[in-house]
Amino acid sequence: TLDINFSFTPEELEDAKSYGYFINRIEGYNYFGQFLEKKFHGKGRLVFEDGSTYEGWFVKGEKGPFGRLISKDGDFYIGEFYKGKAHG
């Protein structure tokens, strides 16, 4: 089992067990998902301190090529990302 003192959702806990997780308190986010050469790479989820989330794919540390960004107030974007930003 993971010995961590953070409240993860069951989905986040499963991702953390299956792949890995990274907590960045300075920039205010948690990452759950796959890594390649110490960068976010493959399927993953970013959860930001303000309550917004990004779920989707990462390539060498950047969001993309496809994902879903959900803001804290419920607005969302589903689609393509290029160089880490919504595109399309």
Protein backbone atom coordinates (compact mmCIF):
# COMPACT_ATOMS: atom_id res chain seq x y z
CA THR A 1 0.00 0.00 0.00
CA LEU A 2 0.97 3.61 -0.44
CA ASP A 3 1.90 5.34 2.77
CA ILE A 4 0.88 8.92 2.06
CA ASN A 5 -0.98 11.44 4.17
CA PHE A 6 -3.00 13.12 1.42
CA SER A 7 -6.65 12.56 0.57
CA PHE A 8 -6.75 10.95 -2.86
CA THR A 9 -9.91 9.96 -4.67
CA PRO A 10 -10.18 6.19 -5.30
CA GLU A 11 -9.36 6.86 -8.96
CA GLU A 12 -6.24 8.89 -8.06
CA LEU A 13 -5.11 6.27 -5.57
CA GLU A 14 -5.43 3.55 -8.22
CA ASP A 15 -3.42 5.63 -10.72
CA ALA A 16 -0.78 6.31 -8.06
CA LYS A 17 -0.47 2.59 -7.31
CA SER A 18 -0.44 1.55 -10.98
CA TYR A 19 1.86 4.24 -12.38
CA GLY A 20 3.12 6.90 -10.02
CA TYR A 21 2.43 10.30 -8.58
CA PHE A 22 4.21 13.60 -8.13
CA ILE A 23 3.23 16.39 -5.73
CA ASN A 24 4.44 19.92 -6.49
CA ARG A 25 3.53 22.17 -3.58
CA ILE A 26 5.39 25.17 -5.01
CA GLU A 27 3.37 25.26 -8.25
CA GLY A 28 0.27 23.84 -6.57
CA TYR A 29 -0.57 20.60 -8.32
CA ASN A 30 -0.58 16.82 -7.97
CA TYR A 31 0.13 14.53 -10.93
CA PHE A 32 -1.04 10.95 -11.18
CA GLY A 33 -0.02 8.85 -14.15
CA GLN A 34 2.72 7.59 -16.37
CA PHE A 35 6.28 8.87 -16.61
CA LEU A 36 9.13 8.61 -19.10
CA GLU A 37 12.61 9.82 -18.18
CA LYS A 38 11.26 11.72 -15.13
CA LYS A 39 8.70 13.62 -17.23
CA PHE A 40 4.93 13.23 -17.42
CA HIS A 41 4.46 11.00 -20.45
CA GLY A 42 1.49 8.87 -21.44
CA LYS A 43 -1.88 8.87 -19.72
CA GLY A 44 -2.21 11.05 -16.62
CA ARG A 45 -4.14 13.48 -14.48
CA LEU A 46 -3.16 16.86 -13.04
CA VAL A 47 -5.14 18.14 -10.05
CA PHE A 48 -4.54 21.80 -9.23
CA GLU A 49 -4.94 23.49 -5.83
CA ASP A 50 -7.78 25.66 -7.15
CA GLY A 51 -9.83 22.52 -7.91
CA SER A 52 -9.34 22.44 -11.68
CA THR A 53 -8.11 19.24 -13.36
CA TYR A 54 -6.56 18.07 -16.61
CA GLU A 55 -7.04 14.46 -17.66
CA GLY A 56 -5.55 13.06 -20.80
CA TRP A 57 -2.27 12.48 -22.52
CA PHE A 58 1.17 13.97 -21.95
CA VAL A 59 4.19 14.03 -24.22
CA LYS A 60 7.57 14.74 -22.61
CA GLY A 61 6.04 16.75 -19.77
CA GLU A 62 3.47 18.76 -21.75
CA LYS A 63 -0.28 18.32 -22.04
CA GLY A 64 -1.28 16.84 -25.37
CA PRO A 65 -2.08 15.74 -27.93
CA PHE A 66 -5.59 15.18 -26.51
CA GLY A 67 -7.25 15.74 -23.15
CA ARG A 68 -9.93 17.31 -21.00
CA LEU A 69 -9.46 20.45 -18.91
CA ILE A 70 -12.12 21.12 -16.27
CA SER A 71 -12.07 24.44 -14.40
CA LYS A 72 -13.01 24.77 -10.75
CA ASP A 73 -16.38 26.30 -11.72
CA GLY A 74 -17.28 23.40 -14.02
CA ASP A 75 -16.41 24.91 -17.42
CA PHE A 76 -14.52 22.44 -19.56
CA TYR A 77 -12.60 21.96 -22.78
CA ILE A 78 -12.26 18.58 -24.46
CA GLY A 79 -10.00 18.39 -27.44
CA GLU A 80 -6.53 18.89 -28.78
CA PHE A 81 -3.60 20.41 -26.93
CA TYR A 82 -0.44 21.74 -28.56
CA LYS A 83 2.66 22.71 -26.58
CA GLY A 84 0.67 22.26 -23.38
CA LYS A 85 -2.18 24.61 -24.35
CA ALA A 86 -5.73 24.03 -25.65
CA HIS A 87 -5.62 24.09 -29.44
CA GLY A 88 -8.48 23.58 -31.83
